[in-house]
Protein backbone atom coordinates (compact mmCIF):
# COMPACT_ATOMS: atom_id res chain seq x y z
CA MET A 1 -0.11 -24.37 42.00
CA ARG A 2 3.09 -22.66 41.00
CA LEU A 3 3.80 -24.99 37.89
CA GLN A 4 0.28 -24.30 36.46
CA ALA A 5 1.03 -20.26 37.12
CA THR A 6 4.40 -20.83 35.07
CA ARG A 7 2.35 -22.28 32.13
CA ARG A 8 -0.30 -19.67 32.10
CA VAL A 9 2.25 -16.98 31.74
CA LEU A 10 4.37 -18.94 29.28
CA ALA A 11 1.13 -19.37 27.30
CA ALA A 12 0.40 -15.67 27.51
CA THR A 13 3.93 -14.90 26.35
CA LEU A 14 3.82 -16.85 23.16
CA LEU A 15 0.31 -15.19 22.14
CA MET A 16 1.83 -12.01 22.58
CA LEU A 17 4.96 -13.02 20.35
CA ALA A 18 2.49 -14.37 17.81
CA LEU A 19 0.34 -11.33 17.62
CA ALA A 20 3.73 -9.18 17.11
CA LEU A 21 5.13 -11.44 14.65
CA PRO A 22 3.97 -10.81 10.71
CA ALA A 23 2.60 -13.94 8.74
CA GLY A 24 5.20 -16.02 7.29
CA SER A 25 7.78 -14.38 9.97
CA GLN A 26 8.56 -11.32 7.56
CA THR A 27 10.31 -8.42 8.76
CA LEU A 28 7.14 -5.94 9.44
CA ASN A 29 6.74 -3.32 6.95
CA THR A 30 9.35 -4.31 4.60
CA LEU A 31 9.03 -6.46 1.17
CA THR A 32 10.34 -9.82 0.61
CA ALA A 33 13.20 -10.28 -1.69
CA GLU A 34 10.38 -12.12 -3.86
CA GLU A 35 7.88 -9.04 -3.69
CA GLN A 36 10.65 -6.65 -4.69
CA LYS A 37 11.62 -8.84 -7.37
CA GLU A 38 7.67 -8.78 -8.78
CA GLY A 39 7.37 -5.20 -8.56
CA TRP A 40 5.55 -4.84 -5.28
CA THR A 41 5.82 -1.23 -3.49
CA SER A 42 5.26 -0.72 0.33
CA LEU A 43 2.61 1.92 1.40
CA PHE A 44 3.42 2.04 4.75
CA ASP A 45 6.99 2.59 6.24
CA GLY A 46 5.96 1.58 9.62
CA LYS A 47 7.17 5.01 11.18
CA THR A 48 5.24 7.94 9.63
CA LEU A 49 2.59 8.65 7.86
CA ASN A 50 4.35 9.63 4.67
CA GLY A 51 2.08 9.12 1.22
CA TRP A 52 -1.09 9.15 3.38
CA VAL A 53 -3.34 12.14 4.18
CA PRO A 54 -6.46 12.31 6.43
CA ARG A 55 -9.76 12.56 5.04
CA GLY A 56 -12.54 13.85 7.55
CA ASP A 57 -11.78 14.12 11.25
CA ALA A 58 -10.59 11.13 12.89
CA LYS A 59 -6.90 11.49 13.96
CA TRP A 60 -4.12 8.91 12.96
CA ASP A 61 -1.15 7.88 14.62
CA VAL A 62 1.90 5.05 14.19
CA GLN A 63 3.30 3.08 16.93
CA ASN A 64 5.27 -0.26 17.13
CA GLY A 65 4.91 -0.15 13.55
CA GLU A 66 1.51 -0.56 13.43
CA LEU A 67 -1.13 2.08 11.68
CA ALA A 68 -4.33 3.11 13.47
CA ALA A 69 -6.76 5.88 14.48
CA VAL A 70 -6.93 6.99 17.64
CA PRO A 71 -10.13 5.61 19.55
CA GLY A 72 -13.07 7.94 20.56
CA GLN A 73 -12.35 10.52 17.97
CA ALA A 74 -14.48 11.62 14.96
CA ARG A 75 -14.81 9.24 11.79
CA GLY A 76 -12.57 9.56 8.90
CA HIS A 77 -10.21 8.24 6.40
CA LEU A 78 -6.64 8.04 5.95
CA ALA A 79 -5.92 8.02 2.06
CA THR A 80 -3.22 7.58 0.03
CA VAL A 81 -1.58 10.72 -2.04
CA ASN A 82 -1.41 8.54 -4.99
CA GLN A 83 -4.27 7.29 -7.39
CA TYR A 84 -4.36 3.44 -8.46
CA ALA A 85 -6.54 2.11 -11.25
CA ASP A 86 -5.68 -1.80 -11.51
CA LEU A 87 -3.98 -3.13 -8.61
CA ARG A 88 -3.41 -5.85 -5.99
CA ILE A 89 -3.18 -4.84 -2.40
CA ARG A 90 -2.25 -6.94 0.24
CA LEU A 91 -2.32 -6.10 3.93
CA GLU A 92 -2.73 -7.25 7.54
CA PHE A 93 -5.29 -5.93 10.27
CA LEU A 94 -5.67 -6.69 13.48
CA VAL A 95 -9.68 -6.33 14.81
CA VAL A 96 -8.80 -5.48 18.61
CA ASP A 97 -12.41 -5.71 19.81
CA GLU A 98 -16.15 -6.46 18.38
CA ALA A 99 -17.04 -2.67 18.05
CA ALA A 100 -14.32 -2.40 15.31
CA ASN A 101 -15.66 -0.75 12.14
CA SER A 102 -13.37 -0.17 9.45
CA GLY A 103 -12.68 -1.20 5.94
CA VAL A 104 -10.59 -0.62 2.49
CA PHE A 105 -11.54 1.31 -0.03
CA LEU A 106 -10.62 1.32 -3.76
CA ARG A 107 -10.72 4.26 -5.95
CA SER A 108 -12.04 6.65 -4.06
CA PRO A 109 -12.98 10.19 -5.15
CA GLU A 110 -9.62 12.47 -5.25
CA THR A 111 -11.32 15.21 -2.87
CA GLY A 112 -14.12 15.54 -0.63
CA ALA A 113 -16.20 12.56 1.33
CA ILE A 114 -15.06 8.72 0.94
CA SER A 115 -18.31 6.27 1.22
CA GLN A 116 -19.34 2.65 -0.15
CA ARG A 117 -21.36 4.70 -2.37
CA ASN A 118 -18.57 6.36 -4.23
CA ALA A 119 -15.45 3.85 -3.91
CA PHE A 120 -15.32 0.13 -3.16
CA GLU A 121 -15.34 -0.36 0.18
CA ILE A 122 -13.92 -4.18 1.49
CA ASN A 123 -15.22 -3.89 4.76
CA ILE A 124 -13.87 -4.77 8.38
CA PHE A 125 -17.34 -5.33 10.57
CA ASP A 126 -17.77 -8.94 11.64
CA LYS A 127 -21.05 -7.61 13.41
CA SER A 128 -22.53 -6.30 10.20
CA ALA A 129 -25.82 -8.00 9.17
CA ASP A 130 -25.55 -6.67 5.48
CA TRP A 131 -21.80 -6.62 4.93
CA PRO A 132 -19.66 -8.51 7.37
CA THR A 133 -16.13 -8.46 6.75
CA GLY A 134 -14.91 -9.94 3.27
CA SER A 135 -17.82 -8.01 1.67
CA ILE A 136 -17.80 -5.44 -1.08
CA ASN A 137 -20.32 -3.27 0.43
CA GLU A 138 -23.10 -2.21 -2.08
CA PHE A 139 -22.02 -5.57 -4.54
CA GLN A 140 -21.38 -8.56 -2.70
CA LYS A 141 -21.80 -10.11 0.98
CA ASN A 142 -19.18 -12.71 2.32
CA SER A 143 -21.60 -15.56 2.84
CA THR A 144 -19.41 -17.20 5.24
CA PRO A 145 -19.70 -15.73 8.94
CA PRO A 146 -16.30 -13.78 9.63
CA ASN A 147 -13.97 -14.50 12.63
CA THR A 148 -11.66 -11.73 12.53
CA VAL A 149 -11.97 -10.24 15.93
CA GLY A 150 -8.69 -10.58 18.28
CA LYS A 151 -5.83 -11.40 15.92
CA TRP A 152 -3.96 -10.75 12.91
CA ASN A 153 -5.92 -11.32 9.49
CA THR A 154 -4.73 -10.97 5.90
CA TYR A 155 -6.63 -9.01 2.90
CA ASP A 156 -5.44 -9.98 -0.67
CA ILE A 157 -7.59 -7.68 -3.11
CA THR A 158 -7.28 -7.25 -6.72
CA ALA A 159 -9.02 -5.00 -8.79
CA GLN A 160 -8.61 -5.45 -12.55
CA GLY A 161 -10.84 -3.65 -14.69
CA ASP A 162 -14.43 -3.99 -13.48
CA HIS A 163 -13.10 -7.29 -11.95
CA LEU A 164 -13.03 -7.21 -8.13
CA VAL A 165 -11.66 -10.25 -6.04
CA VAL A 166 -11.42 -10.36 -2.36
CA LEU A 167 -9.48 -13.10 -0.10
CA LEU A 168 -9.76 -12.98 3.38
CA ASN A 169 -7.01 -14.99 5.30
CA GLY A 170 -6.70 -16.87 2.05
CA GLU A 171 -10.18 -17.85 1.26
CA LYS A 172 -12.26 -15.93 -1.35
CA THR A 173 -15.11 -13.92 -0.08
CA ALA A 174 -16.12 -12.20 -2.84
CA ASP A 175 -15.66 -11.65 -6.52
CA VAL A 176 -17.98 -9.49 -8.68
CA ARG A 177 -17.75 -7.19 -11.90
CA ALA A 178 -18.74 -3.77 -10.76
CA THR A 179 -18.10 -0.01 -11.95
CA ARG A 180 -17.09 3.06 -9.63
CA LEU A 181 -14.68 5.78 -10.34
CA PRO A 182 -11.67 4.04 -13.12
CA ARG A 183 -8.91 5.26 -10.34
CA GLY A 184 -8.46 7.13 -7.00
CA PRO A 185 -6.75 6.84 -3.83
CA ILE A 186 -6.56 4.03 -1.53
CA GLY A 187 -8.56 4.61 1.78
CA LEU A 188 -8.68 3.33 5.15
CA GLN A 189 -11.78 4.10 7.46
CA TYR A 190 -12.20 4.54 10.90
CA GLY A 191 -15.92 4.10 12.04
CA GLY A 192 -15.55 2.96 15.62
CA GLY A 193 -13.71 0.61 18.10
CA MET A 194 -9.97 -0.29 16.68
CA VAL A 195 -8.62 -1.71 14.11
CA LYS A 196 -4.46 -2.04 13.25
CA PHE A 197 -2.93 -1.98 10.20
CA ARG A 198 0.24 -2.95 9.12
CA ASN A 199 2.48 -4.53 6.02
CA ILE A 200 0.42 -2.43 3.64
CA ARG A 201 2.04 -3.47 0.12
CA ILE A 202 0.88 -2.70 -3.77
CA LEU A 203 1.26 -4.23 -6.98
CA ALA A 204 -0.07 -1.55 -9.65
CA LYS A 205 -0.07 -1.00 -13.11
């Protein structure tokens, strides 16, 4: 019995360590030498909300190198101060619970409300019947049932003119041609539950 208990504790510890480490053992919220050479920029320093501004009533916080909205608060977005047109953005997100409803928004309006009807929303909401995680809302549904709850996941999103491509955990889930605003801020959404973000970096032209 004592050996089994020890094994359970060890397994739980290893799981916690795995969740704490970013993919590829990259130092949290820093660029690799290869990314720096390619021209990537970090959008989140892991300590502050520098470079971001709240849109809506959600409250945002940084803890342990992770960015998240405070649960139970009003809905809203956190948008970049800078605007972007053609870009490639890579980030990691932890879906803490099944109620988690979030998304990554591209080419959002400079001011006012951000929505799936005035920006490109790459959804984070496994339970959505219409636009499950990996979908581009209003444009293309991810046809593969996602399974992102309880673990860190990766998004790799490219927007080149009217061409958008989404990779979820390395698998292509959307590839469309569509139009919205030609450029605008990047937004992170809080719509319920809890989603955490880290290692947010961008390659922009």
